[in-house]
């Protein structure tokens, strides 16, 4: 999808409640993700008289980075509440078995910290 559409969906899903979002920064983030080869431009088009929009898709490297980031967020909980909540809010990007394994690892980390 294109950055404007991403912002609309993030707002509709109330992601700003668990992730620090600056909608104006989405285009900067998209540029950085593309520079790091985590996403690629799939197509560019124009709908009527609207501005030209580029649609992006995640690359295999981007999927790997997303999985590694999610593993850090979920399996290694920090005391920073919003960070873990952000991981939970994005959990559907992972296959169910991987999400369960990471949640169990996080629970184990918390249990060890309590002892």
Protein backbone atom coordinates (compact mmCIF):
# COMPACT_ATOMS: atom_id res chain seq x y z
CA UNK A 1 0.00 0.00 0.00
CA UNK A 2 1.04 3.62 -0.22
CA UNK A 3 1.99 5.75 2.84
CA UNK A 4 -1.25 7.73 2.92
CA UNK A 5 -3.25 4.48 2.97
CA UNK A 6 -0.98 3.16 5.74
CA UNK A 7 -1.77 6.24 7.83
CA UNK A 8 -5.51 5.85 7.28
CA UNK A 9 -5.42 2.19 8.31
CA UNK A 10 -3.26 2.92 11.37
CA UNK A 11 -5.80 5.58 12.45
CA UNK A 12 -8.77 3.26 11.81
CA UNK A 13 -7.14 0.56 13.93
CA UNK A 14 -6.27 3.09 16.69
CA UNK A 15 -2.58 2.10 16.56
CA UNK A 16 -1.59 5.51 17.94
CA UNK A 17 -2.81 4.20 21.31
CA UNK A 18 0.06 1.71 21.47
CA UNK A 19 2.62 2.99 18.96
CA UNK A 20 4.08 6.49 18.85
CA UNK A 21 2.90 7.64 15.43
CA UNK A 22 3.68 10.82 13.58
CA UNK A 23 1.69 10.59 10.39
CA UNK A 24 3.80 13.24 8.70
CA UNK A 25 6.87 11.07 9.28
CA UNK A 26 5.48 8.06 7.41
CA UNK A 27 7.09 9.21 4.16
CA UNK A 28 10.47 9.55 5.89
CA UNK A 29 10.13 6.08 7.39
CA UNK A 30 9.17 4.68 3.98
CA UNK A 31 12.30 6.25 2.46
CA UNK A 32 14.49 4.71 5.19
CA UNK A 33 12.89 1.28 4.80
CA UNK A 34 13.47 1.45 1.06
CA UNK A 35 17.11 2.55 1.48
CA UNK A 36 17.69 -0.47 3.73
CA UNK A 37 15.99 -2.78 1.19
CA UNK A 38 13.23 -3.73 3.65
CA UNK A 39 10.57 -2.61 1.16
CA UNK A 40 10.42 -2.09 -2.61
CA UNK A 41 8.23 0.11 -4.75
CA UNK A 42 5.81 -2.22 -6.51
CA UNK A 43 3.96 0.25 -8.69
CA UNK A 44 3.24 3.92 -9.14
CA UNK A 45 -0.10 5.17 -10.28
CA UNK A 46 -2.49 8.06 -10.33
CA UNK A 47 -6.19 7.97 -9.54
CA UNK A 48 -7.86 10.67 -11.61
CA UNK A 49 -6.52 14.11 -10.71
CA UNK A 50 -5.06 12.94 -7.40
CA UNK A 51 -1.29 13.04 -6.80
CA UNK A 52 0.80 10.14 -8.02
CA UNK A 53 1.13 7.42 -5.38
CA UNK A 54 3.71 4.70 -5.01
CA UNK A 55 2.61 1.33 -3.63
CA UNK A 56 5.21 -0.55 -1.58
CA UNK A 57 5.65 -4.18 -0.62
CA UNK A 58 7.81 -5.84 2.01
CA UNK A 59 10.93 -7.67 0.80
CA UNK A 60 12.28 -10.96 2.16
CA UNK A 61 14.95 -8.94 4.03
CA UNK A 62 12.18 -6.73 5.43
CA UNK A 63 10.23 -9.78 6.59
CA UNK A 64 13.37 -11.12 8.31
CA UNK A 65 13.96 -7.76 10.00
CA UNK A 66 10.33 -7.59 11.10
CA UNK A 67 10.55 -11.06 12.63
CA UNK A 68 13.78 -10.19 14.46
CA UNK A 69 12.28 -6.96 15.76
CA UNK A 70 9.12 -8.76 16.91
CA UNK A 71 11.25 -11.38 18.68
CA UNK A 72 12.99 -8.58 20.59
CA UNK A 73 9.69 -6.92 21.50
CA UNK A 74 7.88 -10.08 22.63
CA UNK A 75 10.46 -12.58 23.85
CA UNK A 76 12.55 -10.01 25.72
CA UNK A 77 10.01 -7.79 27.51
CA UNK A 78 11.28 -4.51 28.90
CA UNK A 79 9.88 -2.40 31.67
CA UNK A 80 8.89 0.16 29.06
CA UNK A 81 5.15 -0.56 28.85
CA UNK A 82 4.44 0.93 25.39
CA UNK A 83 7.19 -1.14 23.75
CA UNK A 84 5.66 -4.46 24.78
CA UNK A 85 2.17 -3.21 23.97
CA UNK A 86 3.41 -2.23 20.51
CA UNK A 87 4.72 -5.78 20.04
CA UNK A 88 1.37 -7.23 21.09
CA UNK A 89 -0.50 -4.90 18.78
CA UNK A 90 1.64 -6.08 15.84
CA UNK A 91 1.64 -9.76 16.81
CA UNK A 92 -0.57 -10.82 13.85
CA UNK A 93 2.35 -10.28 11.46
CA UNK A 94 3.88 -13.49 12.82
CA UNK A 95 2.71 -17.04 12.20
CA UNK A 96 0.70 -18.29 15.21
CA UNK A 97 3.26 -20.91 16.28
CA UNK A 98 6.07 -18.34 16.25
CA UNK A 99 3.95 -15.83 18.19
CA UNK A 100 3.16 -18.44 20.86
CA UNK A 101 6.84 -19.42 21.15
CA UNK A 102 7.87 -15.78 21.58
CA UNK A 103 5.16 -15.14 24.17
CA UNK A 104 6.29 -18.22 26.11
CA UNK A 105 9.90 -17.00 25.96
CA UNK A 106 8.78 -13.61 27.25
CA UNK A 107 6.85 -15.23 30.09
CA UNK A 108 9.92 -17.27 30.96
CA UNK A 109 12.05 -14.11 31.02
CA UNK A 110 9.57 -12.41 33.34
CA UNK A 111 9.39 -15.47 35.62
CA UNK A 112 13.20 -15.60 35.87
CA UNK A 113 13.35 -11.89 36.69
CA UNK A 114 10.85 -12.38 39.53
CA UNK A 115 13.05 -14.99 41.22
